[in-house]
Structures are given as structure tokens and as C-alpha cells.
């Protein structure tokens, strides 16, 4: 066990108090640097969207049918943007002018592009008239 005199102890305490401000400043700089990194990561991951009132959109289907499995369509639509609540929140309406009850965030919407089928519940899809388990024959083999 070493014995220290009081004058040396007091001097070391004063030195530590002087270093305390420097440590606080260094911690504040690290905090600002980390906030900048987090903001940069967030901004890189955010999608730019061009959704305005009247735009046609598809909405994410959170409850695909169990019978369809993992290949079920992930998007339903098309819907029209009825109202812009916030820059990233929208109220939608069906194409038959029936309002959708809740608001939707841009993360769960996708702009409907011309020529894109509505993916879920599309009546115009071609149905095969074949026996169960039969494979459609290539046109050059007919």
C-alpha cells in the first residue's frame, strides 16, 4: 500500500477537473459525429417519392392469402390518392371512389406505373385449361 500526501492528491484532483471540460468537449464531438452518421444512413435509405393528390398507387398487401404461399402478390391496387395528410402520409380511395379507412405511409405505397397490372385480383389474367399437374406445352412443339 502506498501513502500519498495531501498536496499531491489535491494537485491531481485539480488536473482531473481541468481535463473534465476537455473530455466533455470530446464526447460532444463524438456525439455530433454519430448523429451525422445516423442521419446520413437514414437519408440514404429513404426513397424519394413523387406521390401527389390524384396519383395512382399500389398499397402493400400485409395479409396475403395463406393458400397462395410465399409467391402471393405483395401489392394490391390500384388506388387514387385522395388527400395528402403529411409529405409521407396519404388517404386513399378505390378507383370506384370508395374511401379507404386508414391513412398510408409512403413506405407501404408504390407509384402505379402505366401498363402495370394491379397484381392482386386482376380479372384479365389468362387461366390455363389443363389437367392438374399438366405442363403448358411450348408453342413450337404444337
C-alpha atoms as a PDB file:
ATOM      1  CA  UNK A   1       0.000   0.000   0.000  1.00  0.00           C
ATOM      2  CA  UNK A   2       1.405   3.383  -0.948  1.00  0.00           C
ATOM      3  CA  UNK A   3       0.869   6.507   1.015  1.00  0.00           C
ATOM      4  CA  UNK A   4       0.178   9.758  -0.777  1.00  0.00           C
ATOM      5  CA  UNK A   5       0.459  13.165   0.647  1.00  0.00           C
ATOM      6  CA  UNK A   6      -2.473  15.559   0.561  1.00  0.00           C
ATOM      7  CA  UNK A   7      -0.769  18.164  -1.609  1.00  0.00           C
ATOM      8  CA  UNK A   8      -0.127  15.622  -4.380  1.00  0.00           C
ATOM      9  CA  UNK A   9      -3.737  14.379  -4.136  1.00  0.00           C
ATOM     10  CA  UNK A  10      -5.112  17.933  -4.357  1.00  0.00           C
ATOM     11  CA  UNK A  11      -2.913  18.670  -7.400  1.00  0.00           C
ATOM     12  CA  UNK A  12      -4.151  15.519  -9.186  1.00  0.00           C
ATOM     13  CA  UNK A  13      -7.784  16.436  -8.449  1.00  0.00           C
ATOM     14  CA  UNK A  14      -7.259  19.890  -9.982  1.00  0.00           C
ATOM     15  CA  UNK A  15      -5.650  18.293 -13.055  1.00  0.00           C
ATOM     16  CA  UNK A  16      -8.609  15.909 -13.399  1.00  0.00           C
ATOM     17  CA  UNK A  17     -11.059  18.824 -13.142  1.00  0.00           C
ATOM     18  CA  UNK A  18      -9.141  20.635 -15.895  1.00  0.00           C
ATOM     19  CA  UNK A  19      -9.328  17.539 -18.101  1.00  0.00           C
ATOM     20  CA  UNK A  20     -13.050  17.146 -17.389  1.00  0.00           C
ATOM     21  CA  UNK A  21     -14.003  20.012 -19.742  1.00  0.00           C
ATOM     22  CA  UNK A  22     -11.826  18.559 -22.496  1.00  0.00           C
ATOM     23  CA  UNK A  23     -13.450  15.152 -22.045  1.00  0.00           C
ATOM     24  CA  UNK A  24     -16.928  16.705 -22.251  1.00  0.00           C
ATOM     25  CA  UNK A  25     -15.998  18.517 -25.467  1.00  0.00           C
ATOM     26  CA  UNK A  26     -14.572  15.317 -26.962  1.00  0.00           C
ATOM     27  CA  UNK A  27     -17.755  13.420 -26.017  1.00  0.00           C
ATOM     28  CA  UNK A  28     -19.911  16.165 -27.575  1.00  0.00           C
ATOM     29  CA  UNK A  29     -17.863  15.963 -30.796  1.00  0.00           C
ATOM     30  CA  UNK A  30     -18.252  12.163 -30.903  1.00  0.00           C
ATOM     31  CA  UNK A  31     -21.997  12.540 -30.317  1.00  0.00           C
ATOM     32  CA  UNK A  32     -22.348  15.030 -33.193  1.00  0.00           C
ATOM     33  CA  UNK A  33     -20.301  12.773 -35.481  1.00  0.00           C
ATOM     34  CA  UNK A  34     -22.525   9.808 -34.616  1.00  0.00           C
ATOM     35  CA  UNK A  35     -25.692  11.851 -35.224  1.00  0.00           C
ATOM     36  CA  UNK A  36     -24.302  12.819 -38.624  1.00  0.00           C
ATOM     37  CA  UNK A  37     -23.628   9.170 -39.482  1.00  0.00           C
ATOM     38  CA  UNK A  38     -27.130   8.118 -38.408  1.00  0.00           C
ATOM     39  CA  UNK A  39     -28.716  10.961 -40.403  1.00  0.00           C
ATOM     40  CA  UNK A  40     -26.640  10.041 -43.459  1.00  0.00           C
ATOM     41  CA  UNK A  41     -27.666   6.389 -43.201  1.00  0.00           C
ATOM     42  CA  UNK A  42     -31.332   7.345 -42.843  1.00  0.00           C
ATOM     43  CA  UNK A  43     -31.194   9.755 -45.783  1.00  0.00           C
ATOM     44  CA  UNK A  44     -29.559   7.117 -47.997  1.00  0.00           C
ATOM     45  CA  UNK A  45     -32.266   4.578 -47.162  1.00  0.00           C
ATOM     46  CA  UNK A  46     -35.204   6.949 -47.666  1.00  0.00           C
ATOM     47  CA  UNK A  47     -36.879   6.646 -51.041  1.00  0.00           C
ATOM     48  CA  UNK A  48     -37.737   9.749 -52.966  1.00  0.00           C
ATOM     49  CA  UNK A  49     -41.413   9.670 -53.866  1.00  0.00           C
ATOM     50  CA  UNK A  50     -43.405  11.660 -56.352  1.00  0.00           C
ATOM     51  CA  UNK A  51     -46.829  10.928 -54.928  1.00  0.00           C
ATOM     52  CA  UNK A  52     -49.264  13.831 -55.092  1.00  0.00           C
ATOM     53  CA  UNK A  53     -53.041  14.193 -54.839  1.00  0.00           C
ATOM     54  CA  UNK A  54     -54.661  12.238 -57.666  1.00  0.00           C
ATOM     55  CA  UNK A  55     -51.681   9.892 -58.207  1.00  0.00           C
ATOM     56  CA  UNK A  56     -52.357   6.220 -58.792  1.00  0.00           C
ATOM     57  CA  UNK A  57     -50.642   3.939 -56.270  1.00  0.00           C
ATOM     58  CA  UNK A  58     -50.427   0.317 -55.199  1.00  0.00           C
ATOM     59  CA  UNK A  59     -50.526  -0.493 -51.496  1.00  0.00           C
ATOM     60  CA  UNK A  60     -48.631  -3.248 -49.716  1.00  0.00           C
ATOM     61  CA  UNK A  61     -50.731  -6.345 -49.004  1.00  0.00           C
ATOM     62  CA  UNK A  62     -49.945  -7.243 -45.399  1.00  0.00           C
ATOM     63  CA  UNK A  63     -52.277 -10.231 -45.335  1.00  0.00           C
ATOM     64  CA  UNK A  64     -51.765 -12.351 -48.430  1.00  0.00           C
ATOM     65  CA  UNK A  65     -53.901 -15.466 -48.629  1.00  0.00           C
ATOM     66  CA  UNK A  66     -52.375 -18.446 -46.843  1.00  0.00           C
ATOM     67  CA  UNK A  67     -53.238 -20.717 -49.752  1.00  0.00           C
ATOM     68  CA  UNK A  68     -51.120 -18.657 -52.152  1.00  0.00           C
ATOM     69  CA  UNK A  69     -47.916 -19.134 -50.152  1.00  0.00           C
ATOM     70  CA  UNK A  70     -44.815 -17.010 -50.444  1.00  0.00           C
ATOM     71  CA  UNK A  71     -45.380 -16.297 -54.139  1.00  0.00           C
ATOM     72  CA  UNK A  72     -48.548 -14.341 -53.407  1.00  0.00           C
ATOM     73  CA  UNK A  73     -48.653 -10.781 -54.771  1.00  0.00           C
ATOM     74  CA  UNK A  74     -47.155  -8.299 -52.327  1.00  0.00           C
ATOM     75  CA  UNK A  75     -49.029  -5.252 -53.701  1.00  0.00           C
ATOM     76  CA  UNK A  76     -52.753  -4.529 -54.133  1.00  0.00           C
ATOM     77  CA  UNK A  77     -54.274  -1.814 -56.185  1.00  0.00           C
ATOM     78  CA  UNK A  78     -54.747   0.436 -57.937  1.00  0.00           C
ATOM     79  CA  UNK A  79     -55.799   3.248 -55.629  1.00  0.00           C
ATOM     80  CA  UNK A  80     -56.001   7.005 -56.095  1.00  0.00           C
ATOM     81  CA  UNK A  81     -54.510   9.435 -53.565  1.00  0.00           C
ATOM     82  CA  UNK A  82     -57.468  11.352 -52.163  1.00  0.00           C
ATOM     83  CA  UNK A  83     -55.613  13.619 -49.715  1.00  0.00           C
ATOM     84  CA  UNK A  84     -52.024  14.375 -48.702  1.00  0.00           C
ATOM     85  CA  UNK A  85     -52.046  14.455 -44.885  1.00  0.00           C
ATOM     86  CA  UNK A  86     -48.265  14.903 -44.462  1.00  0.00           C
ATOM     87  CA  UNK A  87     -45.466  14.745 -47.020  1.00  0.00           C
ATOM     88  CA  UNK A  88     -45.245  10.999 -46.345  1.00  0.00           C
ATOM     89  CA  UNK A  89     -48.831  10.155 -45.272  1.00  0.00           C
ATOM     90  CA  UNK A  90     -51.804   9.793 -47.598  1.00  0.00           C
ATOM     91  CA  UNK A  91     -55.504   8.975 -47.598  1.00  0.00           C
ATOM     92  CA  UNK A  92     -56.508   6.673 -50.438  1.00  0.00           C
ATOM     93  CA  UNK A  93     -59.671   5.821 -52.340  1.00  0.00           C
ATOM     94  CA  UNK A  94     -60.523   2.858 -54.554  1.00  0.00           C
ATOM     95  CA  UNK A  95     -60.879   3.536 -58.243  1.00  0.00           C
ATOM     96  CA  UNK A  96     -64.641   3.158 -57.682  1.00  0.00           C
ATOM     97  CA  UNK A  97     -64.435   6.290 -55.429  1.00  0.00           C
ATOM     98  CA  UNK A  98     -64.822   4.223 -52.260  1.00  0.00           C
ATOM     99  CA  UNK A  99     -62.643   5.682 -49.486  1.00  0.00           C
ATOM    100  CA  UNK A 100     -60.070   3.529 -47.698  1.00  0.00           C
ATOM    101  CA  UNK A 101     -60.491   3.818 -43.916  1.00  0.00           C
ATOM    102  CA  UNK A 102     -56.930   4.423 -42.724  1.00  0.00           C
ATOM    103  CA  UNK A 103     -54.000   6.576 -43.806  1.00  0.00           C
ATOM    104  CA  UNK A 104     -50.969   5.097 -45.561  1.00  0.00           C
ATOM    105  CA  UNK A 105     -47.273   5.925 -45.299  1.00  0.00           C
ATOM    106  CA  UNK A 106     -45.030   6.092 -48.363  1.00  0.00           C
ATOM    107  CA  UNK A 107     -43.097   3.058 -47.125  1.00  0.00           C
ATOM    108  CA  UNK A 108     -46.230   0.997 -47.774  1.00  0.00           C
ATOM    109  CA  UNK A 109     -47.138   2.595 -51.107  1.00  0.00           C
ATOM    110  CA  UNK A 110     -45.685   2.265 -54.569  1.00  0.00           C
ATOM    111  CA  UNK A 111     -46.446   4.505 -57.514  1.00  0.00           C
ATOM    112  CA  UNK A 112     -48.617   2.762 -60.104  1.00  0.00           C
ATOM    113  CA  UNK A 113     -46.896   2.932 -63.477  1.00  0.00           C
ATOM    114  CA  UNK A 114     -48.828   2.828 -66.752  1.00  0.00           C
ATOM    115  CA  UNK A 115     -49.012  -0.648 -68.243  1.00  0.00           C
ATOM    116  CA  UNK A 116     -48.516  -2.366 -64.879  1.00  0.00           C
ATOM    117  CA  UNK A 117     -51.215  -4.857 -63.902  1.00  0.00           C
ATOM    118  CA  UNK A 118     -52.798  -4.487 -60.496  1.00  0.00           C
ATOM    119  CA  UNK A 119     -51.026  -7.693 -59.406  1.00  0.00           C
ATOM    120  CA  UNK A 120     -53.710  -8.894 -56.988  1.00  0.00           C
ATOM    121  CA  UNK A 121     -57.232  -9.719 -58.058  1.00  0.00           C
ATOM    122  CA  UNK A 122     -56.664  -8.949 -61.728  1.00  0.00           C
ATOM    123  CA  UNK A 123     -59.608 -10.327 -63.724  1.00  0.00           C
ATOM    124  CA  UNK A 124     -57.721 -10.157 -67.017  1.00  0.00           C
ATOM    125  CA  UNK A 125     -55.224 -12.880 -66.147  1.00  0.00           C
ATOM    126  CA  UNK A 126     -55.041 -15.858 -68.505  1.00  0.00           C
ATOM    127  CA  UNK A 127     -56.240 -19.105 -66.975  1.00  0.00           C
ATOM    128  CA  UNK A 128     -54.957 -22.476 -68.124  1.00  0.00           C
ATOM    129  CA  UNK A 129     -57.489 -25.175 -69.072  1.00  0.00           C
ATOM    130  CA  UNK A 130     -55.299 -28.151 -68.335  1.00  0.00           C
ATOM    131  CA  UNK A 131     -55.429 -31.172 -66.135  1.00  0.00           C
ATOM    132  CA  UNK A 132     -53.983 -30.775 -62.631  1.00  0.00           C
ATOM    133  CA  UNK A 133     -50.233 -31.251 -62.777  1.00  0.00           C
ATOM    134  CA  UNK A 134     -50.083 -30.811 -66.570  1.00  0.00           C
ATOM    135  CA  UNK A 135     -47.431 -28.535 -68.037  1.00  0.00           C
ATOM    136  CA  UNK A 136     -48.255 -25.970 -70.708  1.00  0.00           C
ATOM    137  CA  UNK A 137     -46.713 -27.037 -74.000  1.00  0.00           C
ATOM    138  CA  UNK A 138     -44.274 -24.734 -75.756  1.00  0.00           C
ATOM    139  CA  UNK A 139     -45.752 -23.153 -78.946  1.00  0.00           C
ATOM    140  CA  UNK A 140     -43.021 -24.568 -81.196  1.00  0.00           C
ATOM    141  CA  UNK A 141     -43.975 -28.152 -80.186  1.00  0.00           C
ATOM    142  CA  UNK A 142     -47.610 -27.833 -81.285  1.00  0.00           C
END
